């Protein structure tokens, strides 16, 4: 898949904790999560205007010293064959990179880390690693590959967080607890609430998100297995 930048946020304070970052969004994804709110990036990227790389690099050069790092998101960035070329451009500017990924390409994830092209990974875990995953991801994806990405992050020195979008219909307290068991010992697990906006499956827009207090209860339970658990937008709780 050719690399196409379909979104660019010049400054974000929330997508990389503790850093002032810029963020690019790349087209395409190999999953079809019904509750995904990036519908156009996933299934109709051709309807979105492409942003020239030169425009992104020009902004970064102009604001060198102000921007700490780059967030590369999607879609699923690791599907792009030219991803390493993009990351090298950011590295040449002295910027660290946070990669958002679904973990379906473990070998590439490891290669990018070994090459020093990524410095922080936010890996989405849709559901526990069984048939529930296929339901939440909308496709029969390779659970072994996702497990390999989890194991790599747990064992490597690369900074990371795991995160789950908590969506009624696909995520209950038991599911979150089962995920926490499967990432036992992880240093960071983030729960983020489902947003019923621009969903891949329009029927999901009729679903009401869980109240914040339910996510807090889930985070408390997950803290039995994970060192630091947070609900996105709130301060993390440290359990070990």
C-alpha atoms as a PDB file:
ATOM      1  CA  UNK A   1       0.000   0.000   0.000  1.00  0.00           C
ATOM      2  CA  UNK A   2       1.491   3.384  -0.988  1.00  0.00           C
ATOM      3  CA  UNK A   3       1.958   5.828   1.828  1.00  0.00           C
ATOM      4  CA  UNK A   4      -0.703   8.520   1.882  1.00  0.00           C
ATOM      5  CA  UNK A   5      -1.051  11.061   4.663  1.00  0.00           C
ATOM      6  CA  UNK A   6      -4.770  11.712   5.043  1.00  0.00           C
ATOM      7  CA  UNK A   7      -4.713  13.790   8.197  1.00  0.00           C
ATOM      8  CA  UNK A   8      -2.309  16.101  10.010  1.00  0.00           C
ATOM      9  CA  UNK A   9      -2.670  17.638  13.450  1.00  0.00           C
ATOM     10  CA  UNK A  10      -0.024  20.296  13.931  1.00  0.00           C
ATOM     11  CA  UNK A  11      -0.075  20.271  17.725  1.00  0.00           C
ATOM     12  CA  UNK A  12      -1.519  17.766  20.187  1.00  0.00           C
ATOM     13  CA  UNK A  13      -0.999  17.633  23.947  1.00  0.00           C
ATOM     14  CA  UNK A  14      -3.064  14.490  24.585  1.00  0.00           C
ATOM     15  CA  UNK A  15      -1.839  11.801  22.178  1.00  0.00           C
ATOM     16  CA  UNK A  16       1.620  11.357  23.688  1.00  0.00           C
ATOM     17  CA  UNK A  17       1.623  11.885  27.461  1.00  0.00           C
ATOM     18  CA  UNK A  18       4.155  14.475  28.552  1.00  0.00           C
ATOM     19  CA  UNK A  19       5.045  15.606  25.039  1.00  0.00           C
ATOM     20  CA  UNK A  20       4.056  18.332  22.621  1.00  0.00           C
ATOM     21  CA  UNK A  21       3.550  16.392  19.425  1.00  0.00           C
ATOM     22  CA  UNK A  22       2.340  16.589  15.859  1.00  0.00           C
ATOM     23  CA  UNK A  23       0.304  13.726  14.415  1.00  0.00           C
ATOM     24  CA  UNK A  24      -0.202  12.204  10.988  1.00  0.00           C
ATOM     25  CA  UNK A  25      -2.906   9.743   9.965  1.00  0.00           C
ATOM     26  CA  UNK A  26      -2.186   7.143   7.285  1.00  0.00           C
ATOM     27  CA  UNK A  27      -4.821   5.479   5.114  1.00  0.00           C
ATOM     28  CA  UNK A  28      -5.967   1.875   5.201  1.00  0.00           C
ATOM     29  CA  UNK A  29      -6.560  -0.821   7.808  1.00  0.00           C
ATOM     30  CA  UNK A  30      -6.684  -4.613   7.830  1.00  0.00           C
ATOM     31  CA  UNK A  31      -9.378  -4.744  10.534  1.00  0.00           C
ATOM     32  CA  UNK A  32     -13.039  -3.776  10.340  1.00  0.00           C
ATOM     33  CA  UNK A  33     -14.009  -2.963  13.926  1.00  0.00           C
ATOM     34  CA  UNK A  34     -17.729  -2.077  13.790  1.00  0.00           C
ATOM     35  CA  UNK A  35     -17.291   0.693  16.371  1.00  0.00           C
ATOM     36  CA  UNK A  36     -14.306   2.335  14.653  1.00  0.00           C
ATOM     37  CA  UNK A  37     -14.926   6.079  14.304  1.00  0.00           C
ATOM     38  CA  UNK A  38     -12.394   6.563  11.493  1.00  0.00           C
ATOM     39  CA  UNK A  39     -14.631   5.103   8.812  1.00  0.00           C
ATOM     40  CA  UNK A  40     -13.263   7.078   5.883  1.00  0.00           C
ATOM     41  CA  UNK A  41      -9.641   6.306   6.724  1.00  0.00           C
ATOM     42  CA  UNK A  42     -10.453   2.598   6.797  1.00  0.00           C
ATOM     43  CA  UNK A  43     -12.834   1.981   3.892  1.00  0.00           C
ATOM     44  CA  UNK A  44     -12.872   5.133   1.756  1.00  0.00           C
ATOM     45  CA  UNK A  45      -9.475   6.868   2.023  1.00  0.00           C
ATOM     46  CA  UNK A  46      -9.763   7.931  -1.630  1.00  0.00           C
ATOM     47  CA  UNK A  47     -12.476  10.383  -0.565  1.00  0.00           C
ATOM     48  CA  UNK A  48     -10.029  12.211   1.691  1.00  0.00           C
ATOM     49  CA  UNK A  49      -7.553  14.743   0.381  1.00  0.00           C
ATOM     50  CA  UNK A  50      -3.927  13.664   0.578  1.00  0.00           C
ATOM     51  CA  UNK A  51      -1.559  15.946   2.481  1.00  0.00           C
ATOM     52  CA  UNK A  52       1.873  16.341   0.853  1.00  0.00           C
ATOM     53  CA  UNK A  53       4.748  15.070   2.963  1.00  0.00           C
ATOM     54  CA  UNK A  54       6.655  18.251   2.120  1.00  0.00           C
ATOM     55  CA  UNK A  55       3.941  20.295   3.833  1.00  0.00           C
ATOM     56  CA  UNK A  56       4.264  18.202   6.994  1.00  0.00           C
ATOM     57  CA  UNK A  57       8.065  18.348   6.986  1.00  0.00           C
ATOM     58  CA  UNK A  58       7.975  22.087   6.299  1.00  0.00           C
ATOM     59  CA  UNK A  59       5.845  22.689   9.378  1.00  0.00           C
ATOM     60  CA  UNK A  60       8.106  20.489  11.518  1.00  0.00           C
ATOM     61  CA  UNK A  61      11.268  22.262  10.367  1.00  0.00           C
ATOM     62  CA  UNK A  62       9.680  25.628  11.029  1.00  0.00           C
ATOM     63  CA  UNK A  63       8.704  24.577  14.546  1.00  0.00           C
ATOM     64  CA  UNK A  64      11.833  22.663  15.446  1.00  0.00           C
ATOM     65  CA  UNK A  65      12.483  23.090  19.126  1.00  0.00           C
ATOM     66  CA  UNK A  66       8.773  23.378  19.895  1.00  0.00           C
ATOM     67  CA  UNK A  67       7.564  19.954  18.744  1.00  0.00           C
ATOM     68  CA  UNK A  68       8.928  17.056  20.836  1.00  0.00           C
ATOM     69  CA  UNK A  69       7.798  14.179  18.665  1.00  0.00           C
ATOM     70  CA  UNK A  70       5.550  12.712  15.996  1.00  0.00           C
ATOM     71  CA  UNK A  71       2.561  10.448  16.457  1.00  0.00           C
ATOM     72  CA  UNK A  72       1.965   8.160  13.478  1.00  0.00           C
ATOM     73  CA  UNK A  73      -1.561   6.796  13.492  1.00  0.00           C
ATOM     74  CA  UNK A  74      -4.207   5.465  11.115  1.00  0.00           C
ATOM     75  CA  UNK A  75      -5.904   3.356   9.992  1.00  0.00           C
ATOM     76  CA  UNK A  76      -3.084   0.913  10.521  1.00  0.00           C
ATOM     77  CA  UNK A  77       0.317   2.504   9.746  1.00  0.00           C
ATOM     78  CA  UNK A  78       2.248  -0.779   9.519  1.00  0.00           C
ATOM     79  CA  UNK A  79       0.429  -1.714   6.290  1.00  0.00           C
ATOM     80  CA  UNK A  80       2.305   1.028   4.449  1.00  0.00           C
ATOM     81  CA  UNK A  81       5.407  -0.278   2.694  1.00  0.00           C
ATOM     82  CA  UNK A  82       7.042   3.151   2.858  1.00  0.00           C
ATOM     83  CA  UNK A  83       6.506   3.572   6.593  1.00  0.00           C
ATOM     84  CA  UNK A  84      10.205   3.225   7.416  1.00  0.00           C
ATOM     85  CA  UNK A  85      11.036   5.957   4.881  1.00  0.00           C
ATOM     86  CA  UNK A  86       8.570   8.292   6.601  1.00  0.00           C
ATOM     87  CA  UNK A  87       9.982   7.499  10.024  1.00  0.00           C
ATOM     88  CA  UNK A  88      13.523   8.167   8.799  1.00  0.00           C
ATOM     89  CA  UNK A  89      12.397  11.642   7.687  1.00  0.00           C
ATOM     90  CA  UNK A  90      11.206  12.356  11.221  1.00  0.00           C
ATOM     91  CA  UNK A  91      14.378  10.898  12.724  1.00  0.00           C
ATOM     92  CA  UNK A  92      16.525  13.194  10.562  1.00  0.00           C
ATOM     93  CA  UNK A  93      14.678  16.127  12.131  1.00  0.00           C
ATOM     94  CA  UNK A  94      15.622  14.860  15.579  1.00  0.00           C
ATOM     95  CA  UNK A  95      12.053  13.864  16.439  1.00  0.00           C
ATOM     96  CA  UNK A  96      11.032  10.820  18.427  1.00  0.00           C
ATOM     97  CA  UNK A  97       8.102   8.783  17.115  1.00  0.00           C
ATOM     98  CA  UNK A  98       5.066   7.243  18.772  1.00  0.00           C
ATOM     99  CA  UNK A  99       3.414   4.543  16.684  1.00  0.00           C
ATOM    100  CA  UNK A 100      -0.264   3.636  17.043  1.00  0.00           C
ATOM    101  CA  UNK A 101      -0.832   0.050  15.902  1.00  0.00           C
ATOM    102  CA  UNK A 102      -3.173  -2.916  16.147  1.00  0.00           C
ATOM    103  CA  UNK A 103      -0.197  -5.274  16.531  1.00  0.00           C
ATOM    104  CA  UNK A 104      -0.978  -7.460  13.517  1.00  0.00           C
ATOM    105  CA  UNK A 105       2.517  -6.972  12.038  1.00  0.00           C
ATOM    106  CA  UNK A 106       4.857  -8.101  14.859  1.00  0.00           C
ATOM    107  CA  UNK A 107       7.957  -8.596  12.708  1.00  0.00           C
ATOM    108  CA  UNK A 108       7.753  -5.084  11.287  1.00  0.00           C
ATOM    109  CA  UNK A 109       7.158  -3.698  14.773  1.00  0.00           C
ATOM    110  CA  UNK A 110      10.351  -5.366  15.941  1.00  0.00           C
ATOM    111  CA  UNK A 111      12.331  -4.181  12.899  1.00  0.00           C
ATOM    112  CA  UNK A 112      11.280  -0.562  13.434  1.00  0.00           C
ATOM    113  CA  UNK A 113      12.211  -0.761  17.097  1.00  0.00           C
ATOM    114  CA  UNK A 114      15.599  -2.349  16.380  1.00  0.00           C
ATOM    115  CA  UNK A 115      16.330   0.368  13.797  1.00  0.00           C
ATOM    116  CA  UNK A 116      15.608   3.064  16.370  1.00  0.00           C
ATOM    117  CA  UNK A 117      12.763   4.473  14.273  1.00  0.00           C
ATOM    118  CA  UNK A 118      10.075   4.233  16.962  1.00  0.00           C
ATOM    119  CA  UNK A 119      10.314   5.210  20.607  1.00  0.00           C
ATOM    120  CA  UNK A 120       6.818   4.626  22.006  1.00  0.00           C
ATOM    121  CA  UNK A 121       4.088   2.223  20.907  1.00  0.00           C
ATOM    122  CA  UNK A 122       0.385   2.441  21.691  1.00  0.00           C
ATOM    123  CA  UNK A 123      -1.054  -0.962  20.823  1.00  0.00           C
ATOM    124  CA  UNK A 124      -4.789  -1.475  20.624  1.00  0.00           C
ATOM    125  CA  UNK A 125      -6.131  -4.709  22.068  1.00  0.00           C
ATOM    126  CA  UNK A 126      -9.682  -5.170  20.845  1.00  0.00           C
ATOM    127  CA  UNK A 127     -10.705  -8.104  23.042  1.00  0.00           C
ATOM    128  CA  UNK A 128      -9.249 -11.187  24.744  1.00  0.00           C
ATOM    129  CA  UNK A 129      -7.224 -13.355  22.354  1.00  0.00           C
ATOM    130  CA  UNK A 130      -9.929 -15.837  21.407  1.00  0.00           C
ATOM    131  CA  UNK A 131     -13.011 -15.836  19.169  1.00  0.00           C
ATOM    132  CA  UNK A 132     -14.153 -12.639  20.901  1.00  0.00           C
ATOM    133  CA  UNK A 133     -11.331 -10.840  19.098  1.00  0.00           C
ATOM    134  CA  UNK A 134     -12.698 -11.701  15.669  1.00  0.00           C
ATOM    135  CA  UNK A 135     -16.089 -10.357  16.644  1.00  0.00           C
ATOM    136  CA  UNK A 136     -14.662  -7.062  17.909  1.00  0.00           C
ATOM    137  CA  UNK A 137     -12.229  -6.645  15.005  1.00  0.00           C
ATOM    138  CA  UNK A 138     -14.765  -7.554  12.329  1.00  0.00           C
ATOM    139  CA  UNK A 139     -12.384 -10.024  10.628  1.00  0.00           C
ATOM    140  CA  UNK A 140     -10.747 -13.355  11.429  1.00  0.00           C
ATOM    141  CA  UNK A 141      -7.333 -11.843  12.120  1.00  0.00           C
ATOM    142  CA  UNK A 142      -4.160 -13.687  13.160  1.00  0.00           C
ATOM    143  CA  UNK A 143      -4.360 -13.939  16.960  1.00  0.00           C
ATOM    144  CA  UNK A 144      -0.902 -15.521  17.160  1.00  0.00           C
ATOM    145  CA  UNK A 145       0.632 -12.473  15.472  1.00  0.00           C
ATOM    146  CA  UNK A 146      -1.150 -10.123  17.870  1.00  0.00           C
ATOM    147  CA  UNK A 147       0.096 -12.228  20.774  1.00  0.00           C
ATOM    148  CA  UNK A 148       3.653 -11.949  19.425  1.00  0.00           C
ATOM    149  CA  UNK A 149       3.385  -8.144  19.413  1.00  0.00           C
ATOM    150  CA  UNK A 150       2.134  -8.197  22.999  1.00  0.00           C
ATOM    151  CA  UNK A 151       4.994 -10.466  24.087  1.00  0.00           C
ATOM    152  CA  UNK A 152       7.539  -8.261  22.316  1.00  0.00           C
ATOM    153  CA  UNK A 153       6.359  -5.107  24.072  1.00  0.00           C
ATOM    154  CA  UNK A 154       6.226  -6.832  27.455  1.00  0.00           C
ATOM    155  CA  UNK A 155       9.826  -8.037  27.124  1.00  0.00           C
ATOM    156  CA  UNK A 156      11.518  -5.219  25.176  1.00  0.00           C
ATOM    157  CA  UNK A 157      12.852  -1.952  26.591  1.00  0.00           C
ATOM    158  CA  UNK A 158      10.726   0.084  24.173  1.00  0.00           C
ATOM    159  CA  UNK A 159       8.252   2.362  25.937  1.00  0.00           C
ATOM    160  CA  UNK A 160       4.624   1.377  25.356  1.00  0.00           C
ATOM    161  CA  UNK A 161       1.029   1.266  26.458  1.00  0.00           C
ATOM    162  CA  UNK A 162      -1.770  -1.142  25.705  1.00  0.00           C
ATOM    163  CA  UNK A 163      -5.217   0.308  25.216  1.00  0.00           C
ATOM    164  CA  UNK A 164      -8.755  -0.877  24.639  1.00  0.00           C
ATOM    165  CA  UNK A 165     -11.734   1.009  23.294  1.00  0.00           C
ATOM    166  CA  UNK A 166     -14.504  -0.052  25.648  1.00  0.00           C
ATOM    167  CA  UNK A 167     -17.674  -0.474  23.624  1.00  0.00           C
ATOM    168  CA  UNK A 168     -20.943  -1.961  24.875  1.00  0.00           C
ATOM    169  CA  UNK A 169     -21.854  -5.044  22.796  1.00  0.00           C
ATOM    170  CA  UNK A 170     -18.158  -5.945  22.506  1.00  0.00           C
ATOM    171  CA  UNK A 171     -16.656  -5.166  25.930  1.00  0.00           C
ATOM    172  CA  UNK A 172     -17.946  -6.127  29.352  1.00  0.00           C
ATOM    173  CA  UNK A 173     -16.137  -6.170  32.681  1.00  0.00           C
ATOM    174  CA  UNK A 174     -15.153  -9.807  32.173  1.00  0.00           C
ATOM    175  CA  UNK A 175     -13.585  -9.016  28.786  1.00  0.00           C
ATOM    176  CA  UNK A 176     -11.438  -6.232  30.228  1.00  0.00           C
ATOM    177  CA  UNK A 177     -10.376  -8.460  33.104  1.00  0.00           C
ATOM    178  CA  UNK A 178      -9.443 -11.251  30.667  1.00  0.00           C
ATOM    179  CA  UNK A 179      -7.369  -8.804  28.586  1.00  0.00           C
ATOM    180  CA  UNK A 180      -5.604  -7.619  31.747  1.00  0.00           C
ATOM    181  CA  UNK A 181      -4.741 -11.234  32.598  1.00  0.00           C
ATOM    182  CA  UNK A 182      -3.264 -11.722  29.123  1.00  0.00           C
ATOM    183  CA  UNK A 183      -1.035  -8.638  29.485  1.00  0.00           C
ATOM    184  CA  UNK A 184      -0.186  -9.350  33.123  1.00  0.00           C
ATOM    185  CA  UNK A 185       2.794  -7.304  34.285  1.00  0.00           C
ATOM    186  CA  UNK A 186       2.306  -4.595  31.642  1.00  0.00           C
ATOM    187  CA  UNK A 187       3.341  -1.151  32.813  1.00  0.00           C
ATOM    188  CA  UNK A 188       0.476   0.781  31.244  1.00  0.00           C
ATOM    189  CA  UNK A 189      -3.074  -0.097  30.185  1.00  0.00           C
ATOM    190  CA  UNK A 190      -5.481   2.595  29.024  1.00  0.00           C
ATOM    191  CA  UNK A 191      -9.237   2.274  28.662  1.00  0.00           C
ATOM    192  CA  UNK A 192     -10.870   4.718  26.298  1.00  0.00           C
ATOM    193  CA  UNK A 193     -14.592   5.161  25.940  1.00  0.00           C
ATOM    194  CA  UNK A 194     -16.413   4.305  22.732  1.00  0.00           C
ATOM    195  CA  UNK A 195     -17.663   7.291  20.732  1.00  0.00           C
ATOM    196  CA  UNK A 196     -20.844   6.684  18.682  1.00  0.00           C
ATOM    197  CA  UNK A 197     -19.736   9.020  15.892  1.00  0.00           C
ATOM    198  CA  UNK A 198     -18.946   8.198  12.228  1.00  0.00           C
ATOM    199  CA  UNK A 199     -18.799   4.482  13.050  1.00  0.00           C
ATOM    200  CA  UNK A 200     -17.804   1.871  10.491  1.00  0.00           C
ATOM    201  CA  UNK A 201     -21.128   0.163  11.209  1.00  0.00           C
ATOM    202  CA  UNK A 202     -23.714   2.967  11.300  1.00  0.00           C
ATOM    203  CA  UNK A 203     -25.853   0.868  13.662  1.00  0.00           C
ATOM    204  CA  UNK A 204     -23.211   1.408  16.344  1.00  0.00           C
ATOM    205  CA  UNK A 205     -24.108   5.086  16.430  1.00  0.00           C
ATOM    206  CA  UNK A 206     -27.299   4.068  18.249  1.00  0.00           C
ATOM    207  CA  UNK A 207     -25.290   2.500  21.082  1.00  0.00           C
ATOM    208  CA  UNK A 208     -24.762   4.556  24.241  1.00  0.00           C
ATOM    209  CA  UNK A 209     -21.233   4.509  25.729  1.00  0.00           C
ATOM    210  CA  UNK A 210     -20.671   3.173  29.224  1.00  0.00           C
ATOM    211  CA  UNK A 211     -20.865   5.793  32.009  1.00  0.00           C
ATOM    212  CA  UNK A 212     -17.415   6.935  33.141  1.00  0.00           C
ATOM    213  CA  UNK A 213     -17.853   5.262  36.537  1.00  0.00           C
ATOM    214  CA  UNK A 214     -18.202   1.852  34.832  1.00  0.00           C
ATOM    215  CA  UNK A 215     -14.858   2.393  33.080  1.00  0.00           C
ATOM    216  CA  UNK A 216     -13.328   3.327  36.434  1.00  0.00           C
ATOM    217  CA  UNK A 217     -14.602   0.054  37.919  1.00  0.00           C
ATOM    218  CA  UNK A 218     -13.094  -1.846  34.978  1.00  0.00           C
ATOM    219  CA  UNK A 219      -9.786  -0.037  35.471  1.00  0.00           C
ATOM    220  CA  UNK A 220      -9.801  -0.969  39.159  1.00  0.00           C
ATOM    221  CA  UNK A 221     -10.306  -4.638  38.291  1.00  0.00           C
ATOM    222  CA  UNK A 222      -7.613  -4.544  35.598  1.00  0.00           C
ATOM    223  CA  UNK A 223      -5.233  -3.109  38.187  1.00  0.00           C
ATOM    224  CA  UNK A 224      -5.014  -6.556  39.752  1.00  0.00           C
ATOM    225  CA  UNK A 225      -2.775  -7.559  36.844  1.00  0.00           C
ATOM    226  CA  UNK A 226      -1.352  -4.347  35.341  1.00  0.00           C
ATOM    227  CA  UNK A 227       0.906  -1.866  37.114  1.00  0.00           C
ATOM    228  CA  UNK A 228      -0.737   1.334  35.903  1.00  0.00           C
ATOM    229  CA  UNK A 229      -4.279   1.601  34.549  1.00  0.00           C
ATOM    230  CA  UNK A 230      -6.061   4.731  33.396  1.00  0.00           C
ATOM    231  CA  UNK A 231      -9.272   5.859  31.816  1.00  0.00           C
ATOM    232  CA  UNK A 232      -8.346   8.162  28.956  1.00  0.00           C
ATOM    233  CA  UNK A 233      -8.574  11.770  30.054  1.00  0.00           C
ATOM    234  CA  UNK A 234      -8.073  10.940  33.747  1.00  0.00           C
ATOM    235  CA  UNK A 235      -4.995  10.561  35.928  1.00  0.00           C
ATOM    236  CA  UNK A 236      -3.617   6.984  35.984  1.00  0.00           C
ATOM    237  CA  UNK A 237      -3.881   4.756  39.032  1.00  0.00           C
ATOM    238  CA  UNK A 238      -0.770   2.837  40.050  1.00  0.00           C
ATOM    239  CA  UNK A 239      -1.356  -0.605  41.543  1.00  0.00           C
ATOM    240  CA  UNK A 240       2.151  -2.058  41.849  1.00  0.00           C
END
